[in-house]
Amino acid sequence: MRAYFIRRLLLIPITLIGITAIVFFITRLVPGGPLEQALMRAQMGGGRFARAAQTTALSADQIDQLKQYYGFDRPWYVGYVRWLGKVASGDLGTSYLYNESVWSLIASRFPISLFYGCVTLVITYGVCIPLGILKTIRHKTWVDTASSILIFAGYAVPGYVLGALLIVFLAARMRWFPMGGFVGEDFSTLGFGAKIWDLLQHAALPLTCYLVGSFAFLTLLMKNHLLDALASDYMRTAAAKGLSRRAAVLRHALRNSLIPIATVFGQNITLLVGGSFLIETIFDINGLGLLGYNSVLERDYPVVMGVLLIDSLLLLLGNIISDVLVALVDPRIKFK
């Protein structure tokens, strides 16, 4: 098993090279890139070539300077090798849009997305697993029916739609919560307890939107696999020995039912930093998801590649974490 995980770790750099190379190649083909936008701004009288653009079209030398500035003066594979060399030295480049280091932009957004991702992950697993167990024990009772109605109602409403409704009714009309933002404008002047309260007020509505979509999936995944385990032969043997349904679920069926939960756990690692750009847009939260979304719209390719690199790395590490958790839950599994 140790050799298996070592091989998986060694494959991470190769996989990252493949992913980033494909996306880097696509950025050279997508129309409306930074070069085209710079040319359009210059010809409209803005930017460093405004004086020449007011009288005539840009000269060939000026266009060559723009290509060199944005790295479009060489073939895409040469540009990719140069970018890869910078990444190896710890440099993700400079943003075209913000004129800042990509590392500094990601570092400023990372704690915000990490906060929402960690809280969402803890609450989701802390509630859905016990709720799935409860629904299994109380199968076809009013508890099972009522909880199913609630979680399916939440699953049917997209998070961004729910966010818009919450802002309109609870924030704008009722004024129970702030309209948006991660913290208030006077956050730095508050005391410790006031800071915690301010953070909770701003986080309540976005966290609600993050949680509603994942509740139904994990809860029903837990319940359905528990029901399948209860229908197994060894569970019927346990029932024949007089073991109650509650004891059968908690002592025998639960561990086997945690295998699919452990399988999908690693895929949720990307949510720790990826966030949801729609929810972040609605609530005006400057997280990593919104940064990546804006960089795609503005063709800010250094930021696009930086966010892609981090998300891909987390996804690959998450898959390895899932394999580790599956092996811990079920010792019968051997990786060869």
C-alpha atoms as a PDB file:
ATOM      1  CA  MET A   1       0.000   0.000   0.000  1.00  0.00           C
ATOM      2  CA  ARG A   2       2.890   2.345   0.732  1.00  0.00           C
ATOM      3  CA  ALA A   3       4.276   1.775  -2.761  1.00  0.00           C
ATOM      4  CA  TYR A   4       0.836   2.560  -4.234  1.00  0.00           C
ATOM      5  CA  PHE A   5       0.622   5.944  -2.537  1.00  0.00           C
ATOM      6  CA  ILE A   6       4.213   6.770  -3.463  1.00  0.00           C
ATOM      7  CA  ARG A   7       3.371   6.093  -7.103  1.00  0.00           C
ATOM      8  CA  ARG A   8       0.275   8.268  -6.840  1.00  0.00           C
ATOM      9  CA  LEU A   9       2.313  11.119  -5.393  1.00  0.00           C
ATOM     10  CA  LEU A  10       4.922  10.790  -8.128  1.00  0.00           C
ATOM     11  CA  LEU A  11       2.187  10.977 -10.768  1.00  0.00           C
ATOM     12  CA  ILE A  12       0.932  14.336  -9.467  1.00  0.00           C
ATOM     13  CA  PRO A  13       3.568  16.485 -11.261  1.00  0.00           C
ATOM     14  CA  ILE A  14       3.013  14.634 -14.535  1.00  0.00           C
ATOM     15  CA  THR A  15      -0.749  15.044 -14.301  1.00  0.00           C
ATOM     16  CA  LEU A  16      -0.405  18.731 -13.448  1.00  0.00           C
ATOM     17  CA  ILE A  17       1.798  19.258 -16.496  1.00  0.00           C
ATOM     18  CA  GLY A  18      -0.818  17.621 -18.701  1.00  0.00           C
ATOM     19  CA  ILE A  19      -3.710  19.656 -17.286  1.00  0.00           C
ATOM     20  CA  THR A  20      -1.935  23.001 -17.368  1.00  0.00           C
ATOM     21  CA  ALA A  21      -0.500  22.395 -20.849  1.00  0.00           C
ATOM     22  CA  ILE A  22      -3.964  21.764 -22.290  1.00  0.00           C
ATOM     23  CA  VAL A  23      -5.444  24.868 -20.656  1.00  0.00           C
ATOM     24  CA  PHE A  24      -2.445  26.991 -21.648  1.00  0.00           C
ATOM     25  CA  PHE A  25      -2.927  25.888 -25.256  1.00  0.00           C
ATOM     26  CA  ILE A  26      -6.644  26.739 -25.096  1.00  0.00           C
ATOM     27  CA  THR A  27      -5.866  30.244 -23.817  1.00  0.00           C
ATOM     28  CA  ARG A  28      -3.957  30.891 -27.044  1.00  0.00           C
ATOM     29  CA  LEU A  29      -6.957  29.878 -29.160  1.00  0.00           C
ATOM     30  CA  VAL A  30      -9.768  31.686 -27.298  1.00  0.00           C
ATOM     31  CA  PRO A  31     -10.680  34.990 -29.013  1.00  0.00           C
ATOM     32  CA  GLY A  32     -10.762  38.250 -27.110  1.00  0.00           C
ATOM     33  CA  GLY A  33      -7.535  37.626 -25.226  1.00  0.00           C
ATOM     34  CA  PRO A  34      -5.362  40.263 -23.539  1.00  0.00           C
ATOM     35  CA  LEU A  35      -3.630  41.152 -26.789  1.00  0.00           C
ATOM     36  CA  GLU A  36      -6.901  41.832 -28.617  1.00  0.00           C
ATOM     37  CA  GLN A  37      -8.228  43.836 -25.671  1.00  0.00           C
ATOM     38  CA  ALA A  38      -5.055  45.924 -25.475  1.00  0.00           C
ATOM     39  CA  LEU A  39      -5.224  46.630 -29.214  1.00  0.00           C
ATOM     40  CA  MET A  40      -8.866  47.655 -28.909  1.00  0.00           C
ATOM     41  CA  ARG A  41      -8.140  49.957 -25.966  1.00  0.00           C
ATOM     42  CA  ALA A  42      -5.223  51.526 -27.806  1.00  0.00           C
ATOM     43  CA  GLN A  43      -7.232  52.125 -30.971  1.00  0.00           C
ATOM     44  CA  MET A  44     -10.002  53.710 -28.886  1.00  0.00           C
ATOM     45  CA  GLY A  45      -7.552  56.224 -27.467  1.00  0.00           C
ATOM     46  CA  GLY A  46      -6.516  54.586 -24.194  1.00  0.00           C
ATOM     47  CA  GLY A  47      -3.377  52.923 -22.972  1.00  0.00           C
ATOM     48  CA  ARG A  48       0.276  53.327 -23.781  1.00  0.00           C
ATOM     49  CA  PHE A  49      -0.313  53.599 -27.558  1.00  0.00           C
ATOM     50  CA  ALA A  50      -3.117  56.157 -27.376  1.00  0.00           C
ATOM     51  CA  ARG A  51      -1.272  59.000 -29.169  1.00  0.00           C
ATOM     52  CA  ALA A  52      -0.488  56.902 -32.210  1.00  0.00           C
ATOM     53  CA  ALA A  53      -3.942  55.372 -32.247  1.00  0.00           C
ATOM     54  CA  GLN A  54      -5.656  58.764 -32.426  1.00  0.00           C
ATOM     55  CA  THR A  55      -4.178  59.448 -35.864  1.00  0.00           C
ATOM     56  CA  THR A  56      -3.514  56.091 -37.446  1.00  0.00           C
ATOM     57  CA  ALA A  57      -3.585  52.372 -36.861  1.00  0.00           C
ATOM     58  CA  LEU A  58      -0.958  50.784 -34.666  1.00  0.00           C
ATOM     59  CA  SER A  59       2.320  50.159 -36.374  1.00  0.00           C
ATOM     60  CA  ALA A  60       3.848  46.726 -36.725  1.00  0.00           C
ATOM     61  CA  ASP A  61       6.521  47.578 -34.139  1.00  0.00           C
ATOM     62  CA  GLN A  62       3.890  48.596 -31.603  1.00  0.00           C
ATOM     63  CA  ILE A  63       1.945  45.390 -32.186  1.00  0.00           C
ATOM     64  CA  ASP A  64       5.152  43.397 -31.764  1.00  0.00           C
ATOM     65  CA  GLN A  65       5.773  45.190 -28.466  1.00  0.00           C
ATOM     66  CA  LEU A  66       2.303  44.245 -27.284  1.00  0.00           C
ATOM     67  CA  LYS A  67       2.849  40.613 -28.291  1.00  0.00           C
ATOM     68  CA  GLN A  68       6.146  40.565 -26.438  1.00  0.00           C
ATOM     69  CA  TYR A  69       4.597  42.180 -23.354  1.00  0.00           C
ATOM     70  CA  TYR A  70       1.841  39.564 -23.141  1.00  0.00           C
ATOM     71  CA  GLY A  71       4.076  36.680 -24.171  1.00  0.00           C
ATOM     72  CA  PHE A  72       2.376  36.065 -27.529  1.00  0.00           C
ATOM     73  CA  ASP A  73       5.527  36.618 -29.580  1.00  0.00           C
ATOM     74  CA  ARG A  74       6.520  32.945 -29.422  1.00  0.00           C
ATOM     75  CA  PRO A  75       4.732  29.620 -30.047  1.00  0.00           C
ATOM     76  CA  TRP A  76       2.454  28.417 -27.285  1.00  0.00           C
ATOM     77  CA  TYR A  77       4.722  25.540 -26.253  1.00  0.00           C
ATOM     78  CA  VAL A  78       7.665  27.912 -25.797  1.00  0.00           C
ATOM     79  CA  GLY A  79       5.479  30.192 -23.699  1.00  0.00           C
ATOM     80  CA  TYR A  80       4.298  27.217 -21.661  1.00  0.00           C
ATOM     81  CA  VAL A  81       7.857  26.076 -20.948  1.00  0.00           C
ATOM     82  CA  ARG A  82       8.702  29.612 -19.804  1.00  0.00           C
ATOM     83  CA  TRP A  83       5.629  29.675 -17.562  1.00  0.00           C
ATOM     84  CA  LEU A  84       6.497  26.234 -16.189  1.00  0.00           C
ATOM     85  CA  GLY A  85       9.998  27.420 -15.394  1.00  0.00           C
ATOM     86  CA  LYS A  86       8.619  30.372 -13.446  1.00  0.00           C
ATOM     87  CA  VAL A  87       6.249  28.097 -11.532  1.00  0.00           C
ATOM     88  CA  ALA A  88       9.151  25.823 -10.618  1.00  0.00           C
ATOM     89  CA  SER A  89      10.909  28.854  -9.131  1.00  0.00           C
ATOM     90  CA  GLY A  90       7.787  29.862  -7.173  1.00  0.00           C
ATOM     91  CA  ASP A  91       6.585  32.624  -9.507  1.00  0.00           C
ATOM     92  CA  LEU A  92       3.066  32.436 -10.957  1.00  0.00           C
ATOM     93  CA  GLY A  93       3.458  35.654 -12.895  1.00  0.00           C
ATOM     94  CA  THR A  94       1.755  39.026 -12.722  1.00  0.00           C
ATOM     95  CA  SER A  95      -1.936  39.684 -13.261  1.00  0.00           C
ATOM     96  CA  TYR A  96      -2.837  41.646 -16.401  1.00  0.00           C
ATOM     97  CA  LEU A  97      -5.937  43.060 -14.743  1.00  0.00           C
ATOM     98  CA  TYR A  98      -4.725  43.930 -11.239  1.00  0.00           C
ATOM     99  CA  ASN A  99      -1.025  44.423 -12.069  1.00  0.00           C
ATOM    100  CA  GLU A 100      -0.159  42.432  -8.942  1.00  0.00           C
ATOM    101  CA  SER A 101       1.583  39.176  -8.274  1.00  0.00           C
ATOM    102  CA  VAL A 102      -0.692  36.197  -8.804  1.00  0.00           C
ATOM    103  CA  TRP A 103       0.586  34.713  -5.544  1.00  0.00           C
ATOM    104  CA  SER A 104      -0.441  37.822  -3.604  1.00  0.00           C
ATOM    105  CA  LEU A 105      -3.898  37.824  -5.194  1.00  0.00           C
ATOM    106  CA  ILE A 106      -4.446  34.158  -4.364  1.00  0.00           C
ATOM    107  CA  ALA A 107      -3.038  34.591  -0.843  1.00  0.00           C
ATOM    108  CA  SER A 108      -5.436  37.463  -0.125  1.00  0.00           C
ATOM    109  CA  ARG A 109      -8.466  35.434  -1.276  1.00  0.00           C
ATOM    110  CA  PHE A 110      -7.403  32.059   0.090  1.00  0.00           C
ATOM    111  CA  PRO A 111      -8.349  32.574   3.794  1.00  0.00           C
ATOM    112  CA  ILE A 112     -11.865  33.679   2.839  1.00  0.00           C
ATOM    113  CA  SER A 113     -12.581  30.622   0.692  1.00  0.00           C
ATOM    114  CA  LEU A 114     -10.842  28.395   3.230  1.00  0.00           C
ATOM    115  CA  PHE A 115     -13.120  29.673   5.998  1.00  0.00           C
ATOM    116  CA  TYR A 116     -16.327  28.984   4.073  1.00  0.00           C
ATOM    117  CA  GLY A 117     -15.024  25.678   2.747  1.00  0.00           C
ATOM    118  CA  CYS A 118     -13.949  24.320   6.141  1.00  0.00           C
ATOM    119  CA  VAL A 119     -17.122  25.408   7.927  1.00  0.00           C
ATOM    120  CA  THR A 120     -19.284  23.975   5.140  1.00  0.00           C
ATOM    121  CA  LEU A 121     -17.389  20.677   5.189  1.00  0.00           C
ATOM    122  CA  VAL A 122     -17.584  20.290   8.978  1.00  0.00           C
ATOM    123  CA  ILE A 123     -21.265  21.171   9.210  1.00  0.00           C
ATOM    124  CA  THR A 124     -22.215  19.035   6.211  1.00  0.00           C
ATOM    125  CA  TYR A 125     -20.524  15.862   7.412  1.00  0.00           C
ATOM    126  CA  GLY A 126     -21.369  16.561  11.037  1.00  0.00           C
ATOM    127  CA  VAL A 127     -25.091  16.779  10.228  1.00  0.00           C
ATOM    128  CA  CYS A 128     -25.617  14.556   7.182  1.00  0.00           C
ATOM    129  CA  ILE A 129     -24.021  11.378   8.547  1.00  0.00           C
ATOM    130  CA  PRO A 130     -26.048  11.376  11.810  1.00  0.00           C
ATOM    131  CA  LEU A 131     -29.160  12.403   9.869  1.00  0.00           C
ATOM    132  CA  GLY A 132     -28.669   9.545   7.412  1.00  0.00           C
ATOM    133  CA  ILE A 133     -28.314   7.110  10.319  1.00  0.00           C
ATOM    134  CA  LEU A 134     -31.443   8.512  11.958  1.00  0.00           C
ATOM    135  CA  LYS A 135     -33.423   8.219   8.710  1.00  0.00           C
ATOM    136  CA  THR A 136     -32.317   4.590   8.396  1.00  0.00           C
ATOM    137  CA  ILE A 137     -33.319   3.706  11.949  1.00  0.00           C
ATOM    138  CA  ARG A 138     -36.647   5.553  11.560  1.00  0.00           C
ATOM    139  CA  HIS A 139     -37.220   4.412   7.967  1.00  0.00           C
ATOM    140  CA  LYS A 140     -40.769   5.076   6.685  1.00  0.00           C
ATOM    141  CA  THR A 141     -41.733   7.013   9.795  1.00  0.00           C
ATOM    142  CA  TRP A 142     -42.726  10.675  10.079  1.00  0.00           C
ATOM    143  CA  VAL A 143     -39.114  11.568  10.923  1.00  0.00           C
ATOM    144  CA  ASP A 144     -37.900  10.070   7.653  1.00  0.00           C
ATOM    145  CA  THR A 145     -40.678  11.701   5.629  1.00  0.00           C
ATOM    146  CA  ALA A 146     -40.352  15.164   7.166  1.00  0.00           C
ATOM    147  CA  SER A 147     -36.562  15.251   6.820  1.00  0.00           C
ATOM    148  CA  SER A 148     -36.785  14.059   3.211  1.00  0.00           C
ATOM    149  CA  ILE A 149     -39.192  16.875   2.363  1.00  0.00           C
ATOM    150  CA  LEU A 150     -36.852  19.453   3.886  1.00  0.00           C
ATOM    151  CA  ILE A 151     -33.650  18.239   2.253  1.00  0.00           C
ATOM    152  CA  PHE A 152     -35.261  17.783  -1.164  1.00  0.00           C
ATOM    153  CA  ALA A 153     -36.776  21.252  -0.969  1.00  0.00           C
ATOM    154  CA  GLY A 154     -33.329  22.651  -0.250  1.00  0.00           C
ATOM    155  CA  TYR A 155     -31.774  20.570  -3.018  1.00  0.00           C
ATOM    156  CA  ALA A 156     -34.342  21.794  -5.545  1.00  0.00           C
ATOM    157  CA  VAL A 157     -33.465  25.460  -4.971  1.00  0.00           C
ATOM    158  CA  PRO A 158     -30.084  26.475  -6.447  1.00  0.00           C
ATOM    159  CA  GLY A 159     -27.757  28.153  -3.986  1.00  0.00           C
ATOM    160  CA  TYR A 160     -27.494  31.391  -5.944  1.00  0.00           C
ATOM    161  CA  VAL A 161     -31.298  31.668  -6.232  1.00  0.00           C
ATOM    162  CA  LEU A 162     -31.664  31.100  -2.509  1.00  0.00           C
ATOM    163  CA  GLY A 163     -28.953  33.701  -1.938  1.00  0.00           C
ATOM    164  CA  ALA A 164     -30.829  36.327  -3.932  1.00  0.00           C
ATOM    165  CA  LEU A 165     -34.031  35.601  -1.991  1.00  0.00           C
ATOM    166  CA  LEU A 166     -32.252  35.765   1.352  1.00  0.00           C
ATOM    167  CA  ILE A 167     -30.667  39.105   0.494  1.00  0.00           C
ATOM    168  CA  VAL A 168     -33.976  40.601  -0.638  1.00  0.00           C
ATOM    169  CA  PHE A 169     -36.085  39.451   2.295  1.00  0.00           C
ATOM    170  CA  LEU A 170     -33.761  38.953   5.264  1.00  0.00           C
ATOM    171  CA  ALA A 171     -31.084  41.551   4.509  1.00  0.00           C
ATOM    172  CA  ALA A 172     -32.732  44.346   2.486  1.00  0.00           C
ATOM    173  CA  ARG A 173     -36.282  44.271   3.880  1.00  0.00           C
ATOM    174  CA  MET A 174     -35.993  42.796   7.371  1.00  0.00           C
ATOM    175  CA  ARG A 175     -32.421  44.072   7.943  1.00  0.00           C
ATOM    176  CA  TRP A 176     -31.605  41.043  10.071  1.00  0.00           C
ATOM    177  CA  PHE A 177     -28.319  40.408   8.263  1.00  0.00           C
ATOM    178  CA  PRO A 178     -25.756  42.519   6.353  1.00  0.00           C
ATOM    179  CA  MET A 179     -26.195  42.874   2.599  1.00  0.00           C
ATOM    180  CA  GLY A 180     -22.878  41.269   1.797  1.00  0.00           C
ATOM    181  CA  GLY A 181     -19.144  41.208   2.285  1.00  0.00           C
ATOM    182  CA  PHE A 182     -16.942  38.939   4.347  1.00  0.00           C
ATOM    183  CA  VAL A 183     -16.807  41.329   7.323  1.00  0.00           C
ATOM    184  CA  GLY A 184     -18.009  44.850   8.080  1.00  0.00           C
ATOM    185  CA  GLU A 185     -16.097  47.991   7.149  1.00  0.00           C
ATOM    186  CA  ASP A 186     -15.317  48.751  10.806  1.00  0.00           C
ATOM    187  CA  PHE A 187     -14.139  45.202  11.541  1.00  0.00           C
ATOM    188  CA  SER A 188     -10.582  46.257  12.446  1.00  0.00           C
ATOM    189  CA  THR A 189     -11.843  48.638  15.159  1.00  0.00           C
ATOM    190  CA  LEU A 190     -14.036  46.077  16.932  1.00  0.00           C
ATOM    191  CA  GLY A 191     -13.180  44.053  19.989  1.00  0.00           C
ATOM    192  CA  PHE A 192     -12.649  40.293  19.885  1.00  0.00           C
ATOM    193  CA  GLY A 193     -16.225  39.360  20.766  1.00  0.00           C
ATOM    194  CA  ALA A 194     -17.660  41.972  18.409  1.00  0.00           C
ATOM    195  CA  LYS A 195     -15.446  40.645  15.607  1.00  0.00           C
ATOM    196  CA  ILE A 196     -16.769  37.122  16.104  1.00  0.00           C
ATOM    197  CA  TRP A 197     -20.353  38.395  16.052  1.00  0.00           C
ATOM    198  CA  ASP A 198     -19.710  40.499  12.948  1.00  0.00           C
ATOM    199  CA  LEU A 199     -18.164  37.513  11.154  1.00  0.00           C
ATOM    200  CA  LEU A 200     -21.082  35.250  12.087  1.00  0.00           C
ATOM    201  CA  GLN A 201     -23.611  37.812  10.875  1.00  0.00           C
ATOM    202  CA  HIS A 202     -21.906  38.137   7.499  1.00  0.00           C
ATOM    203  CA  ALA A 203     -21.375  34.371   7.161  1.00  0.00           C
ATOM    204  CA  ALA A 204     -24.892  33.197   8.061  1.00  0.00           C
ATOM    205  CA  LEU A 205     -26.577  33.731   4.686  1.00  0.00           C
ATOM    206  CA  PRO A 206     -23.681  32.560   2.447  1.00  0.00           C
ATOM    207  CA  LEU A 207     -23.205  29.427   4.548  1.00  0.00           C
ATOM    208  CA  THR A 208     -26.902  28.653   4.218  1.00  0.00           C
ATOM    209  CA  CYS A 209     -26.541  28.769   0.440  1.00  0.00           C
ATOM    210  CA  TYR A 210     -23.418  26.597   0.523  1.00  0.00           C
ATOM    211  CA  LEU A 211     -25.065  23.956   2.699  1.00  0.00           C
ATOM    212  CA  VAL A 212     -28.478  23.419   1.100  1.00  0.00           C
ATOM    213  CA  GLY A 213     -27.167  21.743  -2.037  1.00  0.00           C
ATOM    214  CA  SER A 214     -24.908  19.176  -0.375  1.00  0.00           C
ATOM    215  CA  PHE A 215     -27.277  18.088   2.387  1.00  0.00           C
ATOM    216  CA  ALA A 216     -29.518  15.934   0.219  1.00  0.00           C
ATOM    217  CA  PHE A 217     -26.685  14.132  -1.567  1.00  0.00           C
ATOM    218  CA  LEU A 218     -24.699  13.092   1.496  1.00  0.00           C
ATOM    219  CA  THR A 219     -27.740  12.324   3.648  1.00  0.00           C
ATOM    220  CA  LEU A 220     -29.334  10.047   1.066  1.00  0.00           C
ATOM    221  CA  LEU A 221     -25.969   8.491   0.213  1.00  0.00           C
ATOM    222  CA  MET A 222     -25.560   7.554   3.867  1.00  0.00           C
ATOM    223  CA  LYS A 223     -29.117   6.290   4.212  1.00  0.00           C
ATOM    224  CA  ASN A 224     -29.215   4.251   0.999  1.00  0.00           C
ATOM    225  CA  HIS A 225     -25.970   2.427   1.705  1.00  0.00           C
ATOM    226  CA  LEU A 226     -27.067   1.727   5.248  1.00  0.00           C
ATOM    227  CA  LEU A 227     -30.299   0.224   3.945  1.00  0.00           C
ATOM    228  CA  ASP A 228     -28.315  -1.915   1.484  1.00  0.00           C
ATOM    229  CA  ALA A 229     -26.086  -3.093   4.310  1.00  0.00           C
ATOM    230  CA  LEU A 230     -29.099  -3.949   6.463  1.00  0.00           C
ATOM    231  CA  ALA A 231     -30.373  -6.192   3.673  1.00  0.00           C
ATOM    232  CA  SER A 232     -27.147  -8.220   3.654  1.00  0.00           C
ATOM    233  CA  ASP A 233     -26.894 -11.792   4.915  1.00  0.00           C
ATOM    234  CA  TYR A 234     -24.758 -10.949   7.928  1.00  0.00           C
ATOM    235  CA  MET A 235     -27.334  -8.396   9.045  1.00  0.00           C
ATOM    236  CA  ARG A 236     -30.117 -10.934   8.804  1.00  0.00           C
ATOM    237  CA  THR A 237     -27.967 -13.240  10.937  1.00  0.00           C
ATOM    238  CA  ALA A 238     -27.539 -10.449  13.488  1.00  0.00           C
ATOM    239  CA  ALA A 239     -31.304  -9.856  13.514  1.00  0.00           C
ATOM    240  CA  ALA A 240     -31.928 -13.581  13.984  1.00  0.00           C
ATOM    241  CA  LYS A 241     -29.723 -13.472  17.085  1.00  0.00           C
ATOM    242  CA  GLY A 242     -32.038 -10.820  18.541  1.00  0.00           C
ATOM    243  CA  LEU A 243     -29.981  -7.716  17.822  1.00  0.00           C
ATOM    244  CA  SER A 244     -32.108  -4.594  17.624  1.00  0.00           C
ATOM    245  CA  ARG A 245     -32.230  -2.445  14.487  1.00  0.00           C
ATOM    246  CA  ARG A 246     -30.424   0.420  16.203  1.00  0.00           C
ATOM    247  CA  ALA A 247     -27.624  -1.832  17.445  1.00  0.00           C
ATOM    248  CA  ALA A 248     -27.344  -3.556  14.052  1.00  0.00           C
ATOM    249  CA  VAL A 249     -26.938  -0.221  12.306  1.00  0.00           C
ATOM    250  CA  LEU A 250     -24.391   1.243  14.715  1.00  0.00           C
ATOM    251  CA  ARG A 251     -22.312  -1.896  15.372  1.00  0.00           C
ATOM    252  CA  HIS A 252     -22.226  -3.676  12.010  1.00  0.00           C
ATOM    253  CA  ALA A 253     -23.672  -1.795   9.051  1.00  0.00           C
ATOM    254  CA  LEU A 254     -22.258   1.679   9.738  1.00  0.00           C
ATOM    255  CA  ARG A 255     -18.622   0.967   8.939  1.00  0.00           C
ATOM    256  CA  ASN A 256     -19.386  -0.649   5.593  1.00  0.00           C
ATOM    257  CA  SER A 257     -21.696   2.228   4.712  1.00  0.00           C
ATOM    258  CA  LEU A 258     -18.932   4.774   5.335  1.00  0.00           C
ATOM    259  CA  ILE A 259     -16.930   3.510   2.347  1.00  0.00           C
ATOM    260  CA  PRO A 260     -18.798   5.620  -0.275  1.00  0.00           C
ATOM    261  CA  ILE A 261     -18.673   8.611   2.099  1.00  0.00           C
ATOM    262  CA  ALA A 262     -14.900   8.228   2.318  1.00  0.00           C
ATOM    263  CA  THR A 263     -14.696   7.873  -1.463  1.00  0.00           C
ATOM    264  CA  VAL A 264     -16.285  11.261  -2.165  1.00  0.00           C
ATOM    265  CA  PHE A 265     -14.626  13.056   0.749  1.00  0.00           C
ATOM    266  CA  GLY A 266     -11.439  13.839  -1.142  1.00  0.00           C
ATOM    267  CA  GLN A 267     -13.343  15.410  -4.017  1.00  0.00           C
ATOM    268  CA  ASN A 268     -14.748  17.970  -1.583  1.00  0.00           C
ATOM    269  CA  ILE A 269     -11.251  19.233  -0.811  1.00  0.00           C
ATOM    270  CA  THR A 270     -11.413  21.523  -3.852  1.00  0.00           C
ATOM    271  CA  LEU A 271     -14.474  23.178  -2.303  1.00  0.00           C
ATOM    272  CA  LEU A 272     -12.257  24.373   0.531  1.00  0.00           C
ATOM    273  CA  VAL A 273     -10.732  26.963  -1.776  1.00  0.00           C
ATOM    274  CA  GLY A 274     -12.775  26.818  -4.950  1.00  0.00           C
ATOM    275  CA  GLY A 275     -15.925  28.181  -3.435  1.00  0.00           C
ATOM    276  CA  SER A 276     -18.892  29.151  -5.577  1.00  0.00           C
ATOM    277  CA  PHE A 277     -18.388  32.187  -7.774  1.00  0.00           C
ATOM    278  CA  LEU A 278     -22.156  32.727  -8.050  1.00  0.00           C
ATOM    279  CA  ILE A 279     -22.638  32.842  -4.283  1.00  0.00           C
ATOM    280  CA  GLU A 280     -19.533  34.976  -3.863  1.00  0.00           C
ATOM    281  CA  THR A 281     -20.809  37.352  -6.536  1.00  0.00           C
ATOM    282  CA  ILE A 282     -24.243  37.676  -4.927  1.00  0.00           C
ATOM    283  CA  PHE A 283     -22.844  38.323  -1.456  1.00  0.00           C
ATOM    284  CA  ASP A 284     -19.863  40.383  -2.682  1.00  0.00           C
ATOM    285  CA  ILE A 285     -17.309  38.029  -1.138  1.00  0.00           C
ATOM    286  CA  ASN A 286     -13.818  38.354  -2.578  1.00  0.00           C
ATOM    287  CA  GLY A 287     -12.988  34.669  -2.460  1.00  0.00           C
ATOM    288  CA  LEU A 288     -10.935  32.498  -4.756  1.00  0.00           C
ATOM    289  CA  GLY A 289     -13.974  31.394  -6.752  1.00  0.00           C
ATOM    290  CA  LEU A 290     -14.872  34.955  -7.689  1.00  0.00           C
ATOM    291  CA  LEU A 291     -11.233  35.702  -8.527  1.00  0.00           C
ATOM    292  CA  GLY A 292     -11.079  32.753 -10.918  1.00  0.00           C
ATOM    293  CA  TYR A 293     -14.397  33.660 -12.522  1.00  0.00           C
ATOM    294  CA  ASN A 294     -13.399  37.292 -13.118  1.00  0.00           C
ATOM    295  CA  SER A 295     -10.026  36.240 -14.483  1.00  0.00           C
ATOM    296  CA  VAL A 296     -11.731  34.048 -17.088  1.00  0.00           C
ATOM    297  CA  LEU A 297     -14.088  36.842 -18.136  1.00  0.00           C
ATOM    298  CA  GLU A 298     -11.280  39.399 -18.333  1.00  0.00           C
ATOM    299  CA  ARG A 299      -8.871  36.958 -20.015  1.00  0.00           C
ATOM    300  CA  ASP A 300      -6.415  37.421 -17.145  1.00  0.00           C
ATOM    301  CA  TYR A 301      -4.492  34.298 -18.085  1.00  0.00           C
ATOM    302  CA  PRO A 302      -1.765  34.363 -15.372  1.00  0.00           C
ATOM    303  CA  VAL A 303      -4.495  34.316 -12.711  1.00  0.00           C
ATOM    304  CA  VAL A 304      -6.429  31.655 -14.627  1.00  0.00           C
ATOM    305  CA  MET A 305      -3.381  29.403 -14.724  1.00  0.00           C
ATOM    306  CA  GLY A 306      -2.559  30.059 -11.070  1.00  0.00           C
ATOM    307  CA  VAL A 307      -6.045  29.221  -9.821  1.00  0.00           C
ATOM    308  CA  LEU A 308      -6.174  26.181 -12.111  1.00  0.00           C
ATOM    309  CA  LEU A 309      -2.848  24.928 -10.777  1.00  0.00           C
ATOM    310  CA  ILE A 310      -3.998  25.151  -7.146  1.00  0.00           C
ATOM    311  CA  ASP A 311      -7.419  23.606  -7.826  1.00  0.00           C
ATOM    312  CA  SER A 312      -5.882  20.735  -9.814  1.00  0.00           C
ATOM    313  CA  LEU A 313      -3.293  20.065  -7.120  1.00  0.00           C
ATOM    314  CA  LEU A 314      -5.965  19.967  -4.425  1.00  0.00           C
ATOM    315  CA  LEU A 315      -8.137  17.642  -6.514  1.00  0.00           C
ATOM    316  CA  LEU A 316      -5.263  15.197  -7.017  1.00  0.00           C
ATOM    317  CA  LEU A 317      -4.353  15.294  -3.337  1.00  0.00           C
ATOM    318  CA  GLY A 318      -8.020  14.860  -2.463  1.00  0.00           C
ATOM    319  CA  ASN A 319      -8.226  11.668  -4.514  1.00  0.00           C
ATOM    320  CA  ILE A 320      -5.246  10.278  -2.618  1.00  0.00           C
ATOM    321  CA  ILE A 321      -6.863  11.260   0.695  1.00  0.00           C
ATOM    322  CA  SER A 322     -10.013   9.424  -0.401  1.00  0.00           C
ATOM    323  CA  ASP A 323      -7.988   6.264  -1.051  1.00  0.00           C
ATOM    324  CA  VAL A 324      -6.377   6.553   2.385  1.00  0.00           C
ATOM    325  CA  LEU A 325      -9.776   6.969   4.085  1.00  0.00           C
ATOM    326  CA  VAL A 326     -11.235   4.006   2.185  1.00  0.00           C
ATOM    327  CA  ALA A 327      -8.311   1.843   3.297  1.00  0.00           C
ATOM    328  CA  LEU A 328      -8.815   2.949   6.900  1.00  0.00           C
ATOM    329  CA  VAL A 329     -12.552   2.282   6.837  1.00  0.00           C
ATOM    330  CA  ASP A 330     -12.254  -1.100   5.107  1.00  0.00           C
ATOM    331  CA  PRO A 331      -9.022  -2.988   5.919  1.00  0.00           C
ATOM    332  CA  ARG A 332      -9.954  -5.612   3.338  1.00  0.00           C
ATOM    333  CA  ILE A 333      -9.069  -3.224   0.518  1.00  0.00           C
ATOM    334  CA  LYS A 334      -5.555  -3.708  -0.810  1.00  0.00           C
ATOM    335  CA  PHE A 335      -4.031  -1.332  -3.353  1.00  0.00           C
ATOM    336  CA  LYS A 336      -1.728  -3.016  -5.820  1.00  0.00           C
END
